[in-house]
Amino acid sequence: RPKGNETSETEEIAESFQQWHDSGESCPEGTVPIRRTTEKDVLRANKLRRFGKKPIRHLRRDSSVLMAALTTPQLLQHAVVFVNGDQYYGAKANINVWAPKVTDPYEFSLSQIWVISGSFENDLNTIEAGWQVSPELYGDSYPRFFTYWTTDAYQATGCYNLLCSGFVQTNNKIAIGAAISPRSSYRGRQFDIGLMVWKDPKHGHWWLEFGSGLLVGYWPDFLFSHLRSHASMVQFGGEIVNSRSTGGGHTYTQMGSGHFADEGFGKSSYFRNLQTVDWDNNLLPLNNLHLLADHSNCYDIRQGRNGVWGTYFYYGGPGRNIRCP
């Protein structure tokens, strides 16, 4: 594990875990929990050949917005922070957990970490982990722990969770795709999950940690081309799909808590303790941070720093409103 890997908890925040444990279920040693894929899951898919995959992101190579500018108008929208211009070997953050409303069954709302390398054309490599509400994928409106990877800009390789081969799960207590519980409430108690992705310097695999030190598993280095060596960008934040299904207007799908960043703690969603891993396997605070809200009247972002939360940001929004028609 990276050096300097300490979890800092505050009195007003508790850690979320997974709902399936509430019933007392567990898996025997030497096995891993896998969320069952049912016939209903497959039949819900918008396109069967794209089942378990993200929409293809048509990325424009524009250094000012670099990652999230899309030539497909308004399909995917973001409120993110990112760092680039260095070699990165991992990323870590605590992510506030909410249950945002998703108004169309083929839309989703997610909050995640991206570890990225490649040319942003057709050989983009990404490793992704966080929570998402996706009625199409899961058949409900719970926030669920998820992973993703691709080596060709979301075209043919990679998938969510364990829906294709690639990610190797090693933990019998964490179910990828399981609902996260408890969840934060507006003006109420706040919950978050700690996630860390980093490249093991000895074997080269990219490992995933959930919560207080639970190793979930790893992405083998041979899956990747560019990420076989290191990442060139790390991104944190929210993403939604806007299908414009509400009479051609912007979706009402929420990001984060469904409230704008300026509402602050207990109302707006946050990421805290943002860190990256350097070449020598040290966790470091973020430098030269870039903020991007590509539809800021719908979803926005505001960054800060203090002694308790380190580098943090609030983000999100309600989607369609007076300023976001």
Foldseek 3Di string as FASTA:
>chain_A
DFPPDDDFDDPQEAAWAFDVCVVVDFDDPPDADEDDDDPLLQVLDPDNLCQQFDPQFQFDCDVVVGGPDGPPPQFKFWWKKKDFDAFFFKKKWKWWFAQWDDDDLQKKKWWWKWFWDDDSHFQIWIKIWGWMQHCSNQVDRATFTKIWIDGTRRDRDIGIDPPDPFWDFDDGRHYHRGGIDDHADALGGIYIKMWMWGADPPQGWIWIAIHPGRTGTTGHLVVYDGPSPGGRMMMTTMMMGFPCPPVNFTGQTKYAQQAEFVVDPRHFIKMFDIWTAHPVSHTDADDPMDTDGPLVVAKYKDWDADDRRGTMMTMMHRIDDPSRD
